[in-house]
Amino acid sequence: MRTTLAREISAALSASGHRPDSAAGRPAQLLELAIDALEIPRVLPFWKAVLDYVIDPTYPKALVDPLREGPAVWFQQMDEPREQRNRIHFDITVPHDEAERRIRSAVAAGGTLLSDREAPAFSILADSEGNEICVCTWQGRD
């Protein structure tokens, strides 16, 4: 039903000369981030806290930015653990007076503070499965 409505809206806009391009000429796009997880209910609260996101009301295995400024984050079920280290991690830059609250909330939600050696520039946290994120501020940067 939603797909049909979306197609009808797109067709009506195209018929009236509108294009799904931004002012810069790039086609519309949507960025989502996927995190592989063995125990989604265990890691989701950490990411909710550190990103300050909310659970997507239409898909409870996903988080969305309540301000709709950042990408959605969803969790893909893994069948078995991987032994290699993550080859990607997230950085989130927040106001310096917000960083400490995010770190405390993420640790309270099951995360681990791996290092604050570079704080306040950044602190490294991980969820219960080892997926990492750096909470960054402008302070202490070159």
Protein backbone atom coordinates (compact mmCIF):
# COMPACT_ATOMS: atom_id res chain seq x y z
CA MET A 1 0.00 0.00 0.00
CA ARG A 2 2.78 2.46 0.93
CA THR A 3 4.75 1.44 -2.15
CA THR A 4 1.77 2.09 -4.40
CA LEU A 5 1.21 5.50 -2.83
CA ALA A 6 4.89 6.38 -3.18
CA ARG A 7 4.82 5.44 -6.87
CA GLU A 8 1.69 7.53 -7.43
CA ILE A 9 3.25 10.55 -5.73
CA SER A 10 6.50 10.14 -7.71
CA ALA A 11 4.55 9.87 -11.00
CA ALA A 12 2.50 12.98 -10.19
CA LEU A 13 5.62 14.96 -9.32
CA SER A 14 7.41 13.81 -12.48
CA ALA A 15 4.39 14.73 -14.60
CA SER A 16 4.52 18.25 -13.20
CA GLY A 17 8.22 18.63 -13.99
CA HIS A 18 9.74 17.87 -10.59
CA ARG A 19 12.81 15.68 -10.31
CA PRO A 20 14.10 13.70 -7.30
CA ASP A 21 17.36 15.66 -7.40
CA SER A 22 18.83 17.99 -4.83
CA ALA A 23 19.84 21.55 -5.66
CA ALA A 24 23.34 20.23 -6.39
CA GLY A 25 21.98 17.83 -8.98
CA ARG A 26 22.53 14.56 -7.12
CA PRO A 27 19.63 12.12 -7.07
CA ALA A 28 17.86 11.71 -3.74
CA GLN A 29 19.47 9.12 -1.52
CA LEU A 30 19.04 7.54 1.88
CA LEU A 31 21.92 6.45 4.09
CA GLU A 32 21.40 3.76 6.71
CA LEU A 33 24.01 2.08 8.87
CA ALA A 34 23.78 -1.64 9.61
CA ILE A 35 25.43 -3.32 12.58
CA ASP A 36 25.79 -7.10 12.64
CA ALA A 37 24.87 -8.46 16.06
CA LEU A 38 24.45 -11.81 17.79
CA GLU A 39 22.19 -10.45 20.52
CA ILE A 40 20.30 -7.46 19.14
CA PRO A 41 18.32 -6.77 22.35
CA ARG A 42 21.61 -6.58 24.23
CA VAL A 43 23.45 -4.14 21.92
CA LEU A 44 20.55 -1.95 20.80
CA PRO A 45 20.27 -0.03 24.13
CA PHE A 46 23.98 0.92 23.94
CA TRP A 47 23.58 2.41 20.46
CA LYS A 48 20.33 4.12 21.45
CA ALA A 49 22.13 5.80 24.35
CA VAL A 50 25.38 6.77 22.65
CA LEU A 51 23.65 8.13 19.52
CA ASP A 52 20.75 9.67 21.50
CA TYR A 53 18.35 8.04 19.03
CA VAL A 54 14.92 6.46 19.49
CA ILE A 55 13.57 3.06 18.49
CA ASP A 56 11.92 3.16 15.08
CA PRO A 57 8.19 2.69 15.76
CA THR A 58 7.77 0.77 12.49
CA TYR A 59 10.78 -1.52 12.90
CA PRO A 60 11.88 -2.24 16.49
CA LYS A 61 15.32 -3.55 15.40
CA ALA A 62 16.23 -0.08 14.13
CA LEU A 63 17.06 3.30 15.65
CA VAL A 64 16.27 6.68 14.14
CA ASP A 65 17.39 10.19 14.87
CA PRO A 66 14.40 11.90 16.50
CA LEU A 67 15.40 15.10 14.67
CA ARG A 68 15.72 13.19 11.38
CA GLU A 69 19.17 14.69 10.78
CA GLY A 70 21.29 11.55 10.98
CA PRO A 71 21.07 8.16 9.28
CA ALA A 72 18.98 5.32 10.63
CA VAL A 73 20.87 2.49 12.33
CA TRP A 74 19.54 -1.04 12.10
CA PHE A 75 20.75 -4.37 13.37
CA GLN A 76 21.26 -7.48 11.30
CA GLN A 77 21.08 -10.84 13.03
CA MET A 78 24.31 -12.86 12.93
CA ASP A 79 24.36 -16.62 13.33
CA GLU A 80 27.89 -16.93 14.71
CA PRO A 81 30.61 -14.57 15.93
CA ARG A 82 33.42 -13.34 13.71
CA GLU A 83 36.92 -13.51 15.09
CA GLN A 84 38.45 -10.58 13.20
CA ARG A 85 38.53 -7.03 14.53
CA ASN A 86 36.01 -4.53 13.20
CA ARG A 87 37.23 -2.85 10.04
CA ILE A 88 34.91 0.11 10.51
CA HIS A 89 33.77 2.10 13.51
CA PHE A 90 31.63 5.16 14.10
CA ASP A 91 32.66 8.61 15.26
CA ILE A 92 30.03 10.90 16.71
CA THR A 93 31.00 14.49 17.42
CA VAL A 94 28.90 16.23 20.04
CA PRO A 95 29.19 19.45 22.05
CA HIS A 96 31.84 19.05 24.75
CA ASP A 97 29.28 19.49 27.53
CA GLU A 98 27.17 16.64 26.03
CA ALA A 99 29.95 14.06 25.62
CA GLU A 100 30.16 12.96 29.25
CA ARG A 101 26.38 12.32 29.41
CA ARG A 102 26.51 10.22 26.23
CA ILE A 103 29.42 8.18 27.57
CA ARG A 104 27.74 7.57 30.94
CA SER A 105 24.46 6.61 29.24
CA ALA A 106 26.20 4.22 26.86
CA VAL A 107 28.13 2.50 29.66
CA ALA A 108 24.93 2.23 31.74
CA ALA A 109 23.26 0.61 28.71
CA GLY A 110 25.82 -2.20 28.62
CA GLY A 111 28.76 -0.59 26.84
CA THR A 112 32.41 -0.42 27.84
CA LEU A 113 34.70 2.58 27.92
CA LEU A 114 37.77 1.23 26.12
CA SER A 115 39.90 4.36 26.33
CA ASP A 116 39.63 7.98 27.41
CA ARG A 117 43.35 8.58 26.95
CA GLU A 118 42.64 11.20 24.23
CA ALA A 119 39.69 12.84 26.02
CA PRO A 120 38.25 15.37 25.63
CA ALA A 121 39.15 15.08 21.91
CA PHE A 122 37.66 11.58 21.83
CA SER A 123 36.84 8.56 23.98
CA ILE A 124 36.49 5.04 22.59
CA LEU A 125 33.53 2.90 23.61
CA ALA A 126 32.26 -0.50 22.53
CA ASP A 127 28.97 -2.31 22.72
CA SER A 128 28.79 -5.74 24.38
CA GLU A 129 29.87 -7.43 21.13
CA GLY A 130 32.91 -5.20 20.57
CA ASN A 131 31.51 -2.80 17.95
CA GLU A 132 33.27 0.51 18.53
CA ILE A 133 32.35 4.18 18.48
CA CYS A 134 34.37 7.27 19.36
CA VAL A 135 32.56 10.05 21.18
CA CYS A 136 34.36 13.17 19.95
CA THR A 137 34.37 16.88 20.80
CA TRP A 138 36.17 19.90 19.40
CA GLN A 139 38.25 20.20 22.55
CA GLY A 140 41.80 18.90 22.53
CA ARG A 141 42.03 18.79 18.76
CA ASP A 142 44.88 20.18 16.66
